[in-house]
Protein backbone atom coordinates (compact mmCIF):
# COMPACT_ATOMS: atom_id res chain seq x y z
CA MET A 1 0.00 0.00 0.00
CA SER A 2 1.29 3.47 -0.86
CA ASN A 3 1.29 6.19 1.77
CA GLN A 4 3.01 8.92 -0.25
CA SER A 5 -0.03 11.17 -0.48
CA THR A 6 -1.04 13.44 2.39
CA ILE A 7 -4.69 12.77 1.50
CA GLU A 8 -6.14 9.54 2.89
CA LEU A 9 -7.83 7.48 0.16
CA MET A 10 -10.95 5.74 1.43
CA ALA A 11 -12.44 2.94 -0.71
CA PRO A 12 -15.79 1.13 -0.50
CA ALA A 13 -15.97 -2.48 0.71
CA GLY A 14 -19.41 -3.92 0.09
CA SER A 15 -18.18 -7.52 -0.09
CA ARG A 16 -15.15 -9.62 0.85
CA ALA A 17 -13.94 -9.46 -2.75
CA ALA A 18 -14.29 -5.66 -2.76
CA LEU A 19 -12.44 -5.46 0.56
CA SER A 20 -9.52 -7.43 -0.89
CA ALA A 21 -9.64 -5.37 -4.09
CA ALA A 22 -9.49 -2.09 -2.17
CA ILE A 23 -6.53 -3.19 -0.08
CA ASN A 24 -4.64 -4.61 -3.07
CA ALA A 25 -5.24 -1.43 -5.10
CA GLY A 26 -3.73 0.84 -2.45
CA ALA A 27 -6.55 2.17 -0.26
CA ASP A 28 -5.50 3.85 2.98
CA SER A 29 -8.87 3.02 4.55
CA VAL A 30 -12.08 1.19 3.73
CA TYR A 31 -15.67 1.67 4.81
CA PHE A 32 -18.33 -1.03 5.04
CA GLY A 33 -21.77 -1.73 6.49
CA VAL A 34 -23.04 -4.53 8.71
CA GLY A 35 -26.67 -5.64 8.76
CA LYS A 36 -29.54 -3.19 8.29
CA LEU A 37 -28.30 -0.03 10.06
CA ASN A 38 -26.34 1.40 7.14
CA MET A 39 -27.15 3.30 3.96
CA ARG A 40 -26.51 0.27 1.74
CA ALA A 41 -28.53 -2.20 3.81
CA ARG A 42 -30.11 -3.75 0.71
CA SER A 43 -26.69 -4.86 -0.56
CA ALA A 44 -24.92 -5.57 2.75
CA ASP A 45 -22.79 -8.71 2.59
CA PHE A 46 -21.44 -8.55 6.13
CA GLY A 47 -22.86 -9.49 9.52
CA PRO A 48 -21.67 -8.64 13.06
CA GLU A 49 -19.78 -11.93 13.14
CA ASP A 50 -17.55 -10.65 10.31
CA LEU A 51 -16.24 -7.63 12.24
CA PRO A 52 -13.20 -9.33 13.85
CA ASP A 53 -12.03 -10.73 10.51
CA ILE A 54 -12.56 -7.42 8.66
CA ALA A 55 -10.72 -5.43 11.30
CA ALA A 56 -7.86 -7.95 11.48
CA THR A 57 -7.50 -8.07 7.69
CA CYS A 58 -7.26 -4.29 7.57
CA ARG A 59 -4.78 -4.08 10.45
CA GLU A 60 -2.50 -6.64 8.82
CA ALA A 61 -2.51 -4.54 5.64
CA GLY A 62 -1.98 -1.24 7.47
CA VAL A 63 -5.42 -0.03 6.39
CA LYS A 64 -7.97 1.75 8.59
CA SER A 65 -11.47 0.23 8.90
CA TYR A 66 -14.61 2.37 9.19
CA LEU A 67 -18.03 0.95 10.03
CA ALA A 68 -20.89 2.81 8.33
CA LEU A 69 -23.68 2.99 10.92
CA ASN A 70 -25.23 5.98 9.26
CA THR A 71 -28.99 5.42 9.05
CA ILE A 72 -31.57 6.95 11.35
CA VAL A 73 -32.20 4.61 14.29
CA TYR A 74 -35.54 3.87 16.00
CA ASP A 75 -36.12 3.17 19.71
CA SER A 76 -36.67 -0.51 18.98
CA GLU A 77 -33.16 -0.68 17.45
CA LEU A 78 -31.15 1.03 20.17
CA ASP A 79 -30.05 -2.25 21.75
CA GLU A 80 -29.00 -3.59 18.33
CA MET A 81 -27.09 -0.38 17.59
CA GLN A 82 -25.28 -0.47 20.90
CA ALA A 83 -24.38 -4.13 20.49
CA LEU A 84 -22.97 -3.35 17.04
CA CYS A 85 -20.86 -0.50 18.43
CA ASP A 86 -19.64 -2.78 21.23
CA ALA A 87 -18.69 -5.44 18.69
CA ALA A 88 -16.88 -2.87 16.52
CA LYS A 89 -14.95 -1.58 19.52
CA ALA A 90 -14.00 -5.11 20.63
CA ALA A 91 -12.89 -6.02 17.09
CA GLY A 92 -10.66 -2.98 16.81
CA VAL A 93 -12.57 -1.17 14.07
CA SER A 94 -10.94 2.24 13.54
CA ALA A 95 -14.09 4.39 13.62
CA VAL A 96 -17.82 4.47 13.07
CA ILE A 97 -19.45 6.72 10.44
CA ALA A 98 -22.69 8.10 11.87
CA THR A 99 -25.43 10.73 11.66
CA ASP A 100 -27.90 9.81 14.36
CA ILE A 101 -27.06 11.47 17.69
CA ALA A 102 -27.95 8.25 19.54
CA VAL A 103 -25.21 6.42 17.62
CA ILE A 104 -22.73 9.26 18.03
CA GLU A 105 -23.19 9.61 21.78
CA TYR A 106 -23.06 5.89 22.46
CA ALA A 107 -20.00 5.34 20.28
CA ARG A 108 -18.15 8.14 22.06
CA SER A 109 -19.22 6.80 25.48
CA ILE A 110 -17.33 3.56 24.80
CA GLY A 111 -14.32 5.27 23.28
CA LEU A 112 -15.12 4.49 19.65
CA GLU A 113 -13.94 7.16 17.20
CA VAL A 114 -16.74 8.90 15.26
CA HIS A 115 -16.80 10.36 11.75
CA MET A 116 -19.76 12.54 10.78
CA SER A 117 -21.59 11.17 7.75
CA VAL A 118 -22.51 13.29 4.74
CA GLN A 119 -26.15 12.82 5.80
CA ALA A 120 -25.46 15.43 8.52
CA ASN A 121 -25.20 18.00 5.70
CA VAL A 122 -22.37 19.98 7.31
CA ALA A 123 -22.16 23.07 5.12
CA ASN A 124 -20.66 25.71 7.43
CA PHE A 125 -18.04 26.21 10.12
CA GLN A 126 -20.50 26.56 13.00
CA SER A 127 -22.06 23.17 12.25
CA LEU A 128 -18.63 21.59 12.05
CA LYS A 129 -17.61 23.16 15.37
CA PHE A 130 -20.76 21.72 16.98
CA TYR A 131 -20.05 18.20 15.73
CA SER A 132 -16.39 18.43 16.73
CA ARG A 133 -17.52 17.65 20.29
CA TRP A 134 -17.93 14.05 19.13
CA ALA A 135 -16.32 13.69 15.70
CA ASP A 136 -12.66 13.59 14.72
CA THR A 137 -13.47 13.64 10.98
CA VAL A 138 -16.37 15.42 9.28
CA VAL A 139 -17.69 14.64 5.80
CA LEU A 140 -18.73 17.91 4.20
CA ALA A 141 -21.87 18.40 2.14
CA ARG A 142 -21.41 17.50 -1.52
CA GLU A 143 -23.16 20.73 -2.56
CA LEU A 144 -20.34 22.99 -1.37
CA THR A 145 -17.87 24.75 -3.65
CA LEU A 146 -14.16 24.33 -3.00
CA ASP A 147 -14.02 28.01 -2.03
CA GLN A 148 -16.55 27.28 0.71
CA VAL A 149 -14.59 24.19 1.76
CA SER A 150 -11.40 26.24 1.91
CA ASN A 151 -13.07 28.86 4.08
CA ILE A 152 -14.21 26.19 6.56
CA TRP A 153 -10.67 24.80 6.71
CA LYS A 154 -9.19 28.24 7.34
CA ARG A 155 -11.57 28.80 10.23
CA ILE A 156 -10.73 25.37 11.68
CA GLN A 157 -7.07 26.43 11.74
CA GLU A 158 -7.76 29.93 13.04
CA ASN A 159 -9.90 28.58 15.88
CA ASP A 160 -7.80 25.45 16.41
CA VAL A 161 -10.87 23.20 16.36
CA ARG A 162 -10.01 19.75 17.69
CA GLY A 163 -11.96 16.54 18.01
CA PRO A 164 -12.19 14.15 20.97
CA ASN A 165 -8.82 12.58 20.10
CA GLY A 166 -7.10 15.92 20.61
CA GLU A 167 -6.12 16.28 16.95
CA ARG A 168 -7.35 19.00 14.63
CA VAL A 169 -10.64 17.96 12.99
CA ARG A 170 -10.12 16.45 9.55
CA LEU A 171 -12.25 17.30 6.53
CA GLU A 172 -13.52 14.52 4.28
CA LEU A 173 -15.00 14.88 0.80
CA PHE A 174 -16.71 12.53 -1.63
CA GLY A 175 -14.40 12.22 -4.61
CA HIS A 176 -15.95 9.78 -7.07
CA GLY A 177 -19.11 7.83 -7.81
CA ALA A 178 -22.88 8.02 -7.83
CA LEU A 179 -24.64 11.19 -6.76
CA CYS A 180 -28.14 11.46 -5.29
CA VAL A 181 -30.66 13.96 -6.61
CA ALA A 182 -31.42 14.95 -3.00
CA VAL A 183 -29.32 17.24 -0.82
CA SER A 184 -26.84 15.08 1.12
CA GLY A 185 -28.83 11.98 0.21
CA LYS A 186 -31.80 12.93 2.37
CA CYS A 187 -34.57 11.72 0.09
CA TYR A 188 -38.11 10.50 0.81
CA MET A 189 -39.14 9.61 -2.74
CA SER A 190 -38.52 5.88 -2.43
CA LEU A 191 -40.34 5.82 0.91
CA ALA A 192 -43.34 7.75 -0.44
CA GLN A 193 -43.73 5.65 -3.58
CA ASN A 194 -42.61 2.20 -2.43
CA GLY A 195 -42.40 2.17 1.35
CA HIS A 196 -38.61 1.70 1.23
CA SER A 197 -36.76 4.51 2.99
CA ALA A 198 -33.50 5.84 1.55
CA ASN A 199 -32.63 7.08 5.02
CA ARG A 200 -32.83 3.49 6.23
CA GLY A 201 -30.54 2.10 3.54
CA ALA A 202 -33.38 0.66 1.46
CA CYS A 203 -33.60 3.12 -1.46
CA LEU A 204 -35.10 1.65 -4.65
CA GLN A 205 -33.75 4.58 -6.71
CA THR A 206 -37.10 5.57 -8.14
CA CYS A 207 -35.43 8.85 -9.12
CA ARG A 208 -33.43 6.99 -11.77
CA ARG A 209 -36.53 5.99 -13.74
CA LYS A 210 -38.02 7.64 -16.80
CA TYR A 211 -40.74 10.23 -16.14
CA ARG A 212 -43.21 12.27 -18.15
CA VAL A 213 -44.65 15.60 -17.05
CA THR A 214 -48.36 15.83 -17.87
CA ASP A 215 -50.82 18.70 -17.41
CA GLU A 216 -53.69 17.03 -15.55
CA GLU A 217 -56.25 19.62 -16.73
CA THR A 218 -55.51 19.36 -20.44
CA GLY A 219 -53.79 15.99 -20.63
CA GLU A 220 -50.97 17.56 -22.61
CA GLU A 221 -47.45 16.31 -22.04
CA LEU A 222 -44.85 18.97 -21.35
CA VAL A 223 -41.63 18.85 -23.31
CA ILE A 224 -38.54 18.19 -21.15
CA ASP A 225 -34.90 17.72 -22.06
CA ASN A 226 -34.77 14.05 -21.11
CA LYS A 227 -37.02 11.54 -19.40
CA HIS A 228 -34.44 10.78 -16.70
CA VAL A 229 -34.90 14.18 -15.09
CA MET A 230 -33.64 13.09 -11.64
CA SER A 231 -30.71 10.82 -12.53
CA PRO A 232 -27.44 12.71 -12.05
CA LYS A 233 -24.18 11.79 -13.71
CA ASP A 234 -21.51 10.30 -11.46
CA LEU A 235 -19.02 12.59 -9.78
CA CYS A 236 -15.39 12.50 -10.99
CA THR A 237 -12.67 14.63 -9.39
CA VAL A 238 -9.44 13.07 -10.65
CA GLN A 239 -8.77 16.30 -12.61
CA TYR A 240 -9.20 18.48 -9.51
CA LEU A 241 -7.14 16.75 -6.83
CA ASP A 242 -4.68 19.65 -6.58
CA LYS A 243 -7.54 22.04 -5.83
CA ILE A 244 -9.12 19.58 -3.38
CA ALA A 245 -5.83 19.26 -1.50
CA ALA A 246 -5.36 23.03 -1.46
CA ALA A 247 -8.83 23.43 0.06
CA GLY A 248 -7.75 21.47 3.14
CA ILE A 249 -9.22 18.04 2.51
CA SER A 250 -7.61 15.21 4.49
CA VAL A 251 -9.77 12.26 3.33
CA LEU A 252 -11.05 11.50 -0.18
CA LYS A 253 -13.93 9.03 -0.26
CA LEU A 254 -14.85 6.85 -3.23
CA GLU A 255 -18.51 5.84 -3.50
CA GLY A 256 -19.49 2.31 -4.51
CA ARG A 257 -20.38 -0.20 -1.77
CA ALA A 258 -22.94 -1.76 -4.12
CA ARG A 259 -20.41 -2.13 -6.95
CA THR A 260 -18.24 -5.06 -8.06
CA ALA A 261 -14.75 -5.81 -6.80
CA ASP A 262 -13.41 -4.82 -10.22
CA TYR A 263 -15.05 -1.39 -9.91
CA VAL A 264 -13.41 -0.95 -6.52
CA ALA A 265 -10.03 -2.12 -7.84
CA VAL A 266 -10.06 0.19 -10.87
CA THR A 267 -11.30 3.33 -9.11
CA THR A 268 -8.99 2.84 -6.12
CA ARG A 269 -5.95 2.19 -8.32
CA VAL A 270 -6.63 5.27 -10.46
CA TYR A 271 -7.05 7.63 -7.52
CA ARG A 272 -4.08 6.02 -5.75
CA GLU A 273 -1.89 6.77 -8.76
CA ALA A 274 -3.25 10.31 -9.03
CA LEU A 275 -2.80 11.11 -5.33
CA ASP A 276 0.71 9.67 -5.34
CA ALA A 277 1.53 11.84 -8.36
CA LEU A 278 0.18 14.82 -6.45
CA ALA A 279 2.41 14.03 -3.47
CA ALA A 280 5.41 13.57 -5.77
CA GLU A 281 4.64 16.90 -7.48
CA THR A 282 4.24 15.21 -10.87
CA TYR A 283 0.44 15.61 -11.00
CA ASP A 284 -0.85 17.62 -13.96
CA PRO A 285 -4.61 18.26 -14.37
CA GLU A 286 -4.07 18.59 -18.12
CA THR A 287 -2.83 15.00 -18.48
CA CYS A 288 -5.58 13.16 -16.58
CA GLN A 289 -7.38 11.75 -19.62
CA PRO A 290 -5.77 8.27 -19.36
CA TRP A 291 -7.09 8.02 -15.79
CA ILE A 292 -10.55 9.15 -16.91
CA ASP A 293 -10.48 6.51 -19.66
CA GLU A 294 -9.69 3.85 -17.05
CA LEU A 295 -12.50 5.03 -14.78
CA SER A 296 -14.87 4.92 -17.75
CA LYS A 297 -14.30 1.17 -18.17
CA VAL A 298 -16.28 0.29 -15.04
CA PHE A 299 -19.78 1.22 -13.87
CA ASN A 300 -20.67 4.86 -14.40
CA ARG A 301 -23.61 6.94 -15.60
CA GLY A 302 -21.35 9.39 -17.36
CA PHE A 303 -19.14 11.81 -15.44
CA TRP A 304 -19.84 15.22 -13.97
CA HIS A 305 -16.28 16.49 -13.67
CA GLY A 306 -15.73 18.50 -10.52
CA GLY A 307 -19.41 18.61 -9.58
CA TYR A 308 -20.65 21.34 -7.28
CA TYR A 309 -17.10 21.71 -5.98
CA CYS A 310 -16.25 23.72 -9.10
CA GLY A 311 -19.15 26.12 -8.59
CA HIS A 312 -21.65 24.57 -10.99
CA PRO A 313 -25.15 25.70 -9.88
CA LEU A 314 -26.95 22.52 -10.98
CA GLY A 315 -26.07 18.90 -11.54
CA GLU A 316 -25.54 17.32 -14.94
CA TRP A 317 -28.20 14.75 -15.80
CA SER A 318 -27.18 11.40 -17.21
CA GLY A 319 -30.13 10.89 -19.56
CA HIS A 320 -30.36 7.25 -18.48
CA SER A 321 -30.41 5.03 -15.41
CA HIS A 322 -27.98 2.29 -16.42
CA SER A 323 -24.22 2.08 -16.68
CA GLN A 324 -22.27 3.71 -19.49
CA ALA A 325 -19.12 1.67 -18.85
CA THR A 326 -16.94 1.40 -21.94
CA GLU A 327 -16.27 -2.28 -21.17
CA THR A 328 -18.59 -5.27 -20.86
CA ARG A 329 -17.89 -8.23 -18.59
CA ASP A 330 -19.16 -11.76 -19.10
CA GLN A 331 -18.40 -14.73 -16.88
CA ILE A 332 -16.67 -17.50 -18.81
CA GLY A 333 -15.66 -19.93 -16.07
CA ILE A 334 -14.74 -20.73 -12.47
CA VAL A 335 -11.18 -21.47 -11.39
CA SER A 336 -10.84 -25.20 -10.71
CA ASN A 337 -7.15 -25.22 -9.79
CA PHE A 338 -4.21 -22.92 -9.24
CA PHE A 339 -0.57 -23.98 -9.39
CA SER A 340 1.13 -21.44 -7.14
CA LYS A 341 4.73 -22.37 -7.97
CA ILE A 342 4.26 -21.35 -11.60
CA ASN A 343 1.29 -18.94 -11.20
CA VAL A 344 -0.93 -20.94 -13.53
CA ALA A 345 -4.73 -21.08 -13.28
CA GLU A 346 -7.02 -23.76 -14.69
CA PHE A 347 -10.69 -23.42 -15.59
CA LYS A 348 -13.29 -24.90 -17.92
CA LEU A 349 -14.41 -22.40 -20.56
CA ILE A 350 -18.22 -22.31 -20.46
CA LYS A 351 -18.93 -19.68 -23.13
CA HIS A 352 -17.23 -17.53 -25.77
CA THR A 353 -13.97 -18.19 -27.59
CA ILE A 354 -10.83 -16.71 -26.08
CA GLN A 355 -7.32 -16.24 -27.44
CA PRO A 356 -4.02 -14.66 -26.43
CA GLY A 357 -4.40 -10.90 -26.19
CA ASP A 358 -7.90 -11.00 -24.71
CA THR A 359 -8.44 -9.12 -21.45
CA LEU A 360 -9.55 -11.34 -18.57
CA LEU A 361 -10.69 -10.58 -15.04
CA ILE A 362 -10.62 -12.92 -12.05
CA GLU A 363 -12.63 -12.03 -8.93
CA GLY A 364 -12.83 -13.75 -5.57
CA PRO A 365 -13.34 -13.06 -1.84
CA THR A 366 -9.62 -13.23 -1.01
CA THR A 367 -8.24 -12.54 -4.48
CA GLY A 368 -10.14 -9.29 -4.96
CA ALA A 369 -10.04 -8.37 -8.63
CA VAL A 370 -7.17 -9.19 -10.99
CA ARG A 371 -7.18 -7.87 -14.57
CA PHE A 372 -4.65 -9.20 -17.07
CA THR A 373 -4.01 -9.99 -20.71
CA ALA A 374 -4.30 -13.67 -21.60
CA GLU A 375 -0.94 -15.12 -22.62
CA ASN A 376 0.61 -18.60 -22.90
CA LEU A 377 -2.80 -20.18 -23.46
CA HIS A 378 -2.84 -23.97 -23.05
CA ILE A 379 -5.56 -26.59 -23.60
CA ASP A 380 -5.07 -29.97 -21.96
CA GLY A 381 -1.44 -28.99 -21.36
CA GLN A 382 -0.71 -28.10 -25.00
CA PRO A 383 -0.09 -24.57 -26.39
CA ALA A 384 -3.14 -23.22 -28.22
CA ASP A 385 -4.01 -20.20 -30.37
CA SER A 386 -7.58 -20.15 -29.04
CA ALA A 387 -10.01 -21.96 -26.74
CA LYS A 388 -13.68 -22.78 -27.24
CA PRO A 389 -16.49 -23.66 -24.80
CA GLY A 390 -15.85 -27.01 -23.15
CA ASP A 391 -12.05 -26.71 -23.24
CA PHE A 392 -10.03 -26.95 -20.03
CA VAL A 393 -7.82 -23.87 -20.17
CA THR A 394 -4.59 -23.14 -18.29
CA LEU A 395 -2.83 -19.80 -18.40
CA VAL A 396 -0.40 -17.68 -16.41
CA THR A 397 -1.83 -15.07 -14.03
CA PRO A 398 -0.01 -11.99 -12.67
CA ALA A 399 -1.09 -12.62 -9.07
CA LYS A 400 -2.16 -15.40 -6.76
CA ILE A 401 -5.75 -16.52 -7.27
CA ARG A 402 -7.91 -19.20 -5.67
CA ARG A 403 -10.20 -22.07 -6.54
CA GLN A 404 -13.82 -21.03 -7.06
CA ASP A 405 -12.77 -17.54 -8.18
CA LYS A 406 -14.88 -16.33 -11.11
CA VAL A 407 -13.31 -15.73 -14.53
CA PHE A 408 -14.67 -12.96 -16.78
CA LEU A 409 -13.97 -11.87 -20.35
CA LEU A 410 -13.73 -8.09 -20.74
CA LYS A 411 -14.54 -6.48 -24.08
CA ALA A 412 -14.89 -2.92 -25.36
CA ARG A 413 -18.54 -1.97 -25.59
CA ASN A 414 -19.74 -1.56 -29.17
């Protein structure tokens, strides 16, 4: 893991494979949810019993672990919330990300570090100073400009605002990934239409659907620019990292706990490279296109470069709800064996024809996500120019993989 950058890179870990991918790609910290009390409850892969293993895995890699416990909490769930905080503290989790005061106060009462979630919508210095009683790190509202962020940071320094750990409060900013149409993610649309609350981690993303605007008196349909009027493009800040650093940001957070391990690997690696270039004083905003091209390969709804941070008054709308990734991925097999001494994997090809030069991806809980170009293709131990469905394929991999890992063929989208 690289630690050259002064900005901490935080990556999403919505699964064991994503956790491994984030660590392998150079994350300084990861954030994850457990059970239903987090904003990605519908896609949570972890339970309380996983906390010791997650925390230990991160410690061994020199990576901080943050538990997202950032939903609103009801009276009937207070015991569950407290038990989860107790388990996180016992496991050695680095901090809890929270919004609800009940969570914040209890976490602090047991000595568990607290980070304020973006749901708190901290948009000014006075709000930050208030939360500094409990929080060592504060995620700022995504609707702020970098000038506003910089002003908050200056006032933190001028007033020497410190958190419970005695250190100056750190500022965190979302750097990449999906944006919500609502301010700081506080939306009631899914709850109103489907009974699934976004503020309880159960959003059905009804905002991403197509809509028509109709005059109920005349029945006439009003003309609008696109039918996806509430589906923002994804945020991308890789071109603005110098400005983000200058504004006083200490932690850059990548969105994507519902995404694949490959998404996590690609986005983390790109921002790791960019932040390390920034620290080495070789970063140039004018030469970021190769990084943007890499980010475009995995899930995205198009990019809004810089977002509100650059002073744009309104979001850019994607015009669709689905991914615009420039690559497709299709599973073509499952690893049946791996010969570690020679780094050779074996699998039965179940679909498509592959040949040397094709781009493959292998994903697994411990492996994470490994992309590579197929070379030295063998069938039944003999060199081959191509392989067809039904063939038992062996080929060299650039990293250690495991049995039962999934093998994917990656292709440029037509």
